[in-house]
């Protein structure tokens, strides 16, 4: 088959060519780290969305869309408020420990267990 005979785009992309897709139904694959009566939750933030909501699991991280823009820490504050409400903990128990200026962040949740975090982020609890 010559190059001119080959139709561009006729072959579907392989999984390795695609970016990881959000998986709403498999919360068990979140890479939660438990340390000193706290849970470290890796997240992927999508700022500037129409509304703040949980989008599912993405590459081992919780994917969260936030309505706030990524300016002056507004998206960070919005995701902490959303998680505090969703987890039923005080905002002072949440902090961004890695990725302050990146969409890939690690959030520390004090006084929480991994099971409680997974239950709060389950799709049944929308």
N, C-alpha and C. Protein backbone atom coordinates (compact mmCIF):
# COMPACT_ATOMS: atom_id res chain seq x y z
N UNK A 1 0.86 -1.17 0.00
CA UNK A 1 0.00 0.00 0.00
C UNK A 1 0.90 1.23 0.00
N UNK A 2 0.65 2.10 -0.92
CA UNK A 2 1.45 3.33 -0.99
C UNK A 2 0.86 4.36 -0.04
N UNK A 3 1.64 5.37 0.18
CA UNK A 3 1.21 6.43 1.09
C UNK A 3 -0.05 7.12 0.58
N UNK A 4 -0.17 7.29 -0.74
CA UNK A 4 -1.36 7.96 -1.28
C UNK A 4 -2.61 7.09 -1.17
N UNK A 5 -2.44 5.76 -1.11
CA UNK A 5 -3.59 4.87 -0.99
C UNK A 5 -4.09 4.75 0.44
N UNK A 6 -3.22 5.00 1.37
CA UNK A 6 -3.59 4.87 2.78
C UNK A 6 -4.48 6.03 3.21
N UNK A 7 -5.60 5.73 3.80
CA UNK A 7 -6.51 6.77 4.26
C UNK A 7 -6.06 7.23 5.65
N UNK A 8 -5.91 8.49 5.78
CA UNK A 8 -5.48 9.05 7.06
C UNK A 8 -6.64 8.95 8.04
N UNK A 9 -6.34 8.45 9.21
CA UNK A 9 -7.35 8.35 10.25
C UNK A 9 -8.23 7.13 10.13
N UNK A 10 -7.90 6.20 9.25
CA UNK A 10 -8.75 5.03 9.10
C UNK A 10 -8.55 4.02 10.22
N UNK A 11 -7.40 4.08 10.87
CA UNK A 11 -7.15 3.17 11.98
C UNK A 11 -7.45 3.87 13.29
N UNK A 12 -8.17 3.22 14.17
CA UNK A 12 -8.46 3.86 15.46
C UNK A 12 -7.18 3.99 16.28
N UNK A 13 -7.06 5.03 17.09
CA UNK A 13 -5.87 5.18 17.91
C UNK A 13 -5.78 4.07 18.95
N UNK A 14 -4.56 3.69 19.25
CA UNK A 14 -4.36 2.68 20.28
C UNK A 14 -4.47 3.33 21.64
N UNK A 15 -4.63 2.53 22.67
CA UNK A 15 -4.77 3.05 24.03
C UNK A 15 -3.55 3.84 24.46
N UNK A 16 -2.36 3.43 23.98
CA UNK A 16 -1.15 4.13 24.38
C UNK A 16 -1.07 5.52 23.76
N UNK A 17 -1.81 5.75 22.67
CA UNK A 17 -1.80 7.05 22.01
C UNK A 17 -2.76 8.03 22.67
N UNK A 18 -3.70 7.52 23.41
CA UNK A 18 -4.72 8.36 24.03
C UNK A 18 -4.30 8.80 25.42
N UNK A 19 -4.81 9.95 25.83
CA UNK A 19 -4.60 10.40 27.21
C UNK A 19 -5.51 9.60 28.11
N UNK A 20 -5.15 9.45 29.37
CA UNK A 20 -6.04 8.73 30.29
C UNK A 20 -7.39 9.42 30.37
N UNK A 21 -8.46 8.63 30.37
CA UNK A 21 -9.80 9.18 30.46
C UNK A 21 -10.29 9.11 31.90
N UNK A 22 -11.15 10.03 32.25
CA UNK A 22 -11.73 10.03 33.58
C UNK A 22 -12.62 8.81 33.74
N UNK A 23 -12.52 8.17 34.88
CA UNK A 23 -13.31 6.98 35.17
C UNK A 23 -14.14 7.27 36.41
N UNK A 24 -15.42 7.52 36.21
CA UNK A 24 -16.29 7.88 37.33
C UNK A 24 -16.59 6.71 38.24
N UNK A 25 -16.51 5.50 37.73
CA UNK A 25 -17.01 4.35 38.47
C UNK A 25 -15.97 3.55 39.21
N UNK A 26 -14.70 3.83 39.05
CA UNK A 26 -13.67 3.03 39.71
C UNK A 26 -12.85 3.88 40.67
N UNK A 27 -13.47 4.28 41.75
CA UNK A 27 -12.83 5.13 42.74
C UNK A 27 -11.77 4.36 43.53
N UNK A 28 -11.82 3.04 43.51
CA UNK A 28 -10.86 2.24 44.28
C UNK A 28 -9.43 2.37 43.79
N UNK A 29 -9.22 2.89 42.58
CA UNK A 29 -7.86 3.00 42.07
C UNK A 29 -7.21 4.34 42.41
N UNK A 30 -7.88 5.17 43.18
CA UNK A 30 -7.25 6.41 43.64
C UNK A 30 -6.02 6.08 44.47
N UNK A 31 -4.93 6.78 44.22
CA UNK A 31 -3.69 6.54 44.95
C UNK A 31 -3.67 7.36 46.25
N UNK A 32 -4.44 6.93 47.22
CA UNK A 32 -4.49 7.61 48.51
C UNK A 32 -3.30 7.17 49.37
N UNK A 33 -2.71 8.13 50.08
CA UNK A 33 -1.60 7.84 50.99
C UNK A 33 -2.06 8.21 52.38
N UNK A 34 -1.93 7.28 53.32
CA UNK A 34 -2.34 7.52 54.70
C UNK A 34 -1.09 7.78 55.53
N UNK A 35 -1.10 8.90 56.27
CA UNK A 35 0.02 9.22 57.15
C UNK A 35 -0.45 10.07 58.32
N UNK A 36 -0.06 9.72 59.51
CA UNK A 36 -0.31 10.51 60.72
C UNK A 36 -1.75 11.02 60.84
N UNK A 37 -2.72 10.13 60.85
CA UNK A 37 -4.12 10.51 61.02
C UNK A 37 -4.60 11.48 59.92
N UNK A 38 -4.02 11.34 58.73
CA UNK A 38 -4.41 12.17 57.59
C UNK A 38 -4.33 11.35 56.32
N UNK A 39 -5.02 11.84 55.29
CA UNK A 39 -4.99 11.18 53.99
C UNK A 39 -4.48 12.19 52.97
N UNK A 40 -3.55 11.77 52.12
CA UNK A 40 -3.08 12.60 51.02
C UNK A 40 -3.84 12.17 49.77
N UNK A 41 -4.58 13.10 49.20
CA UNK A 41 -5.42 12.84 48.04
C UNK A 41 -4.81 13.51 46.82
N UNK A 42 -4.34 12.74 45.82
CA UNK A 42 -3.86 13.36 44.59
C UNK A 42 -5.06 13.76 43.73
N UNK A 43 -5.03 14.99 43.20
CA UNK A 43 -6.15 15.48 42.40
C UNK A 43 -5.65 16.09 41.10
N UNK A 44 -6.53 16.13 40.13
CA UNK A 44 -6.33 16.84 38.86
C UNK A 44 -7.43 17.87 38.80
N UNK A 45 -7.07 19.15 38.77
CA UNK A 45 -8.04 20.24 38.79
C UNK A 45 -8.28 20.72 37.36
N UNK A 46 -9.55 20.94 37.04
CA UNK A 46 -9.94 21.52 35.75
C UNK A 46 -10.59 22.87 36.07
N UNK A 47 -9.82 23.96 36.07
CA UNK A 47 -10.37 25.27 36.43
C UNK A 47 -11.20 25.87 35.31
N UNK A 48 -12.06 26.82 35.68
CA UNK A 48 -12.86 27.54 34.70
C UNK A 48 -14.04 26.75 34.15
N UNK A 49 -14.49 25.75 34.85
CA UNK A 49 -15.63 24.94 34.40
C UNK A 49 -16.93 25.71 34.66
N UNK A 50 -18.02 25.21 34.11
CA UNK A 50 -19.30 25.89 34.30
C UNK A 50 -19.80 25.74 35.74
N UNK A 51 -19.42 24.64 36.39
CA UNK A 51 -19.80 24.44 37.80
C UNK A 51 -18.76 23.54 38.46
N UNK A 52 -18.70 23.61 39.77
CA UNK A 52 -17.76 22.79 40.51
C UNK A 52 -18.38 21.42 40.76
N UNK A 53 -17.65 20.37 40.37
CA UNK A 53 -18.16 19.01 40.53
C UNK A 53 -17.03 18.01 40.43
N UNK A 54 -17.30 16.81 40.94
CA UNK A 54 -16.37 15.70 40.88
C UNK A 54 -16.54 14.99 39.55
N UNK A 55 -15.46 14.79 38.81
CA UNK A 55 -15.53 14.20 37.48
C UNK A 55 -15.14 12.73 37.44
N UNK A 56 -14.58 12.21 38.53
CA UNK A 56 -14.19 10.80 38.55
C UNK A 56 -12.71 10.64 38.78
N UNK A 57 -12.22 9.45 38.46
CA UNK A 57 -10.81 9.12 38.64
C UNK A 57 -10.08 9.34 37.33
N UNK A 58 -8.87 9.91 37.39
CA UNK A 58 -8.04 10.15 36.21
C UNK A 58 -6.60 9.81 36.55
N UNK A 59 -6.10 8.73 36.00
CA UNK A 59 -4.70 8.34 36.18
C UNK A 59 -4.33 8.24 37.67
N UNK A 60 -5.21 7.67 38.48
CA UNK A 60 -4.94 7.50 39.90
C UNK A 60 -5.26 8.71 40.75
N UNK A 61 -5.77 9.76 40.13
CA UNK A 61 -6.09 11.00 40.84
C UNK A 61 -7.60 11.26 40.78
N UNK A 62 -8.08 12.01 41.75
CA UNK A 62 -9.47 12.47 41.71
C UNK A 62 -9.51 13.67 40.77
N UNK A 63 -10.39 13.64 39.79
CA UNK A 63 -10.50 14.74 38.83
C UNK A 63 -11.67 15.61 39.23
N UNK A 64 -11.40 16.90 39.44
CA UNK A 64 -12.41 17.83 39.95
C UNK A 64 -12.45 19.07 39.06
N UNK A 65 -13.63 19.39 38.57
CA UNK A 65 -13.84 20.62 37.80
C UNK A 65 -14.25 21.71 38.79
N UNK A 66 -13.63 22.88 38.67
CA UNK A 66 -13.98 24.00 39.55
C UNK A 66 -14.38 25.19 38.69
N UNK A 67 -15.38 25.92 39.15
CA UNK A 67 -15.88 27.08 38.41
C UNK A 67 -14.93 28.27 38.52
N UNK A 68 -14.08 28.28 39.49
CA UNK A 68 -13.17 29.41 39.70
C UNK A 68 -12.04 29.41 38.68
N UNK A 69 -11.56 30.59 38.31
CA UNK A 69 -10.42 30.65 37.39
C UNK A 69 -9.11 30.34 38.13
N UNK A 70 -8.09 29.95 37.38
CA UNK A 70 -6.80 29.63 38.03
C UNK A 70 -5.97 30.88 38.28
N UNK A 71 -6.51 31.82 39.02
CA UNK A 71 -5.83 33.08 39.30
C UNK A 71 -5.78 33.34 40.79
N UNK A 72 -4.62 33.73 41.28
CA UNK A 72 -4.44 34.16 42.67
C UNK A 72 -4.99 33.15 43.68
N UNK A 73 -4.89 31.85 43.39
CA UNK A 73 -5.30 30.82 44.32
C UNK A 73 -6.80 30.58 44.40
N UNK A 74 -7.57 31.18 43.50
CA UNK A 74 -9.03 31.01 43.55
C UNK A 74 -9.45 29.57 43.30
N UNK A 75 -8.81 28.91 42.34
CA UNK A 75 -9.15 27.51 42.05
C UNK A 75 -8.77 26.62 43.24
N UNK A 76 -7.65 26.90 43.89
CA UNK A 76 -7.25 26.13 45.07
C UNK A 76 -8.29 26.27 46.17
N UNK A 77 -8.72 27.50 46.44
CA UNK A 77 -9.73 27.72 47.48
C UNK A 77 -11.04 27.03 47.13
N UNK A 78 -11.41 27.09 45.85
CA UNK A 78 -12.67 26.48 45.43
C UNK A 78 -12.64 24.96 45.60
N UNK A 79 -11.52 24.33 45.27
CA UNK A 79 -11.45 22.87 45.40
C UNK A 79 -11.42 22.48 46.88
N UNK A 80 -10.77 23.26 47.73
CA UNK A 80 -10.76 22.96 49.16
C UNK A 80 -12.16 23.11 49.76
N UNK A 81 -12.90 24.14 49.36
CA UNK A 81 -14.27 24.31 49.85
C UNK A 81 -15.16 23.16 49.37
N UNK A 82 -15.01 22.77 48.11
CA UNK A 82 -15.80 21.67 47.57
C UNK A 82 -15.52 20.37 48.30
N UNK A 83 -14.23 20.07 48.52
CA UNK A 83 -13.88 18.83 49.20
C UNK A 83 -14.31 18.85 50.66
N UNK A 84 -14.20 20.00 51.33
CA UNK A 84 -14.63 20.09 52.73
C UNK A 84 -16.12 19.79 52.84
N UNK A 85 -16.90 20.35 51.94
CA UNK A 85 -18.35 20.10 51.96
C UNK A 85 -18.64 18.64 51.62
N UNK A 86 -17.97 18.10 50.61
CA UNK A 86 -18.23 16.72 50.16
C UNK A 86 -17.80 15.70 51.22
N UNK A 87 -16.68 15.98 51.91
CA UNK A 87 -16.16 15.04 52.91
C UNK A 87 -16.77 15.26 54.29
N UNK A 88 -17.42 16.40 54.50
CA UNK A 88 -18.00 16.69 55.80
C UNK A 88 -16.97 17.03 56.85
N UNK A 89 -15.91 17.72 56.45
CA UNK A 89 -14.86 18.14 57.39
C UNK A 89 -14.74 19.66 57.32
N UNK A 90 -14.07 20.23 58.30
CA UNK A 90 -13.85 21.67 58.31
C UNK A 90 -12.80 22.05 57.27
N UNK A 91 -12.91 23.27 56.72
CA UNK A 91 -11.94 23.72 55.72
C UNK A 91 -10.53 23.78 56.29
N UNK A 92 -10.41 24.01 57.59
CA UNK A 92 -9.08 24.08 58.21
C UNK A 92 -8.39 22.72 58.21
N UNK A 93 -9.13 21.64 58.01
CA UNK A 93 -8.54 20.30 57.97
C UNK A 93 -8.00 19.94 56.58
N UNK A 94 -8.16 20.82 55.61
CA UNK A 94 -7.68 20.58 54.26
C UNK A 94 -6.58 21.57 53.90
N UNK A 95 -5.57 21.09 53.19
CA UNK A 95 -4.51 21.97 52.72
C UNK A 95 -3.87 21.38 51.47
N UNK A 96 -3.40 22.28 50.59
CA UNK A 96 -2.68 21.85 49.40
C UNK A 96 -1.22 21.72 49.79
N UNK A 97 -0.67 20.51 49.71
CA UNK A 97 0.72 20.28 50.13
C UNK A 97 1.67 20.18 48.95
N UNK A 98 1.15 20.02 47.74
CA UNK A 98 2.00 19.97 46.54
C UNK A 98 1.18 20.45 45.35
N UNK A 99 1.82 21.20 44.46
CA UNK A 99 1.17 21.64 43.24
C UNK A 99 0.36 22.91 43.37
N UNK A 100 0.82 23.88 44.16
CA UNK A 100 0.06 25.11 44.34
C UNK A 100 -0.26 25.82 43.03
N UNK A 101 0.64 25.78 42.06
CA UNK A 101 0.43 26.47 40.79
C UNK A 101 0.23 25.51 39.62
N UNK A 102 0.00 24.25 39.92
CA UNK A 102 -0.17 23.22 38.90
C UNK A 102 -1.56 22.63 38.97
N UNK A 103 -2.10 22.13 37.86
CA UNK A 103 -3.39 21.44 37.96
C UNK A 103 -3.30 20.08 38.64
N UNK A 104 -2.10 19.53 38.74
CA UNK A 104 -1.89 18.27 39.46
C UNK A 104 -1.46 18.62 40.88
N UNK A 105 -2.33 18.34 41.84
CA UNK A 105 -2.10 18.74 43.23
C UNK A 105 -2.19 17.54 44.15
N UNK A 106 -1.66 17.70 45.35
CA UNK A 106 -1.85 16.75 46.43
C UNK A 106 -2.48 17.51 47.58
N UNK A 107 -3.61 17.01 48.04
CA UNK A 107 -4.35 17.67 49.12
C UNK A 107 -4.29 16.80 50.36
N UNK A 108 -3.91 17.42 51.48
CA UNK A 108 -3.87 16.72 52.76
C UNK A 108 -5.20 16.92 53.47
N UNK A 109 -5.80 15.81 53.90
CA UNK A 109 -7.07 15.84 54.63
C UNK A 109 -6.80 15.31 56.02
N UNK A 110 -6.78 16.19 57.01
CA UNK A 110 -6.54 15.79 58.40
C UNK A 110 -7.80 15.17 58.98
N UNK A 111 -7.60 14.29 59.96
CA UNK A 111 -8.68 13.61 60.68
C UNK A 111 -9.63 12.87 59.74
N UNK A 112 -9.05 12.14 58.78
CA UNK A 112 -9.87 11.38 57.84
C UNK A 112 -9.22 10.02 57.60
N UNK A 113 -10.02 9.08 57.12
CA UNK A 113 -9.51 7.76 56.75
C UNK A 113 -9.66 7.59 55.24
N UNK A 114 -8.88 6.68 54.68
CA UNK A 114 -8.95 6.42 53.25
C UNK A 114 -10.35 5.92 52.86
N UNK A 115 -10.93 5.09 53.70
CA UNK A 115 -12.28 4.57 53.40
C UNK A 115 -13.32 5.69 53.39
N UNK A 116 -13.19 6.64 54.32
CA UNK A 116 -14.14 7.76 54.37
C UNK A 116 -14.00 8.64 53.14
N UNK A 117 -12.77 8.85 52.67
CA UNK A 117 -12.55 9.66 51.47
C UNK A 117 -13.13 8.96 50.25
N UNK A 118 -12.87 7.66 50.12
CA UNK A 118 -13.43 6.93 48.98
C UNK A 118 -14.95 6.93 49.01
N UNK A 119 -15.54 6.77 50.19
CA UNK A 119 -17.00 6.77 50.30
C UNK A 119 -17.58 8.14 49.91
N UNK A 120 -16.91 9.21 50.32
CA UNK A 120 -17.40 10.55 50.01
C UNK A 120 -17.29 10.87 48.53
N UNK A 121 -16.32 10.26 47.84
CA UNK A 121 -16.12 10.53 46.42
C UNK A 121 -16.79 9.50 45.51
N UNK A 122 -17.53 8.57 46.10
CA UNK A 122 -18.17 7.52 45.29
C UNK A 122 -19.24 8.15 44.40
N UNK A 123 -19.49 7.55 43.22
CA UNK A 123 -20.49 8.11 42.30
C UNK A 123 -21.92 8.08 42.85
N UNK A 124 -22.20 7.22 43.83
CA UNK A 124 -23.54 7.15 44.41
C UNK A 124 -23.88 8.43 45.17
N UNK A 125 -22.86 9.17 45.55
CA UNK A 125 -23.03 10.33 46.41
C UNK A 125 -23.02 11.66 45.65
N UNK A 126 -23.42 11.71 44.42
CA UNK A 126 -23.34 12.93 43.62
C UNK A 126 -24.15 14.02 44.19
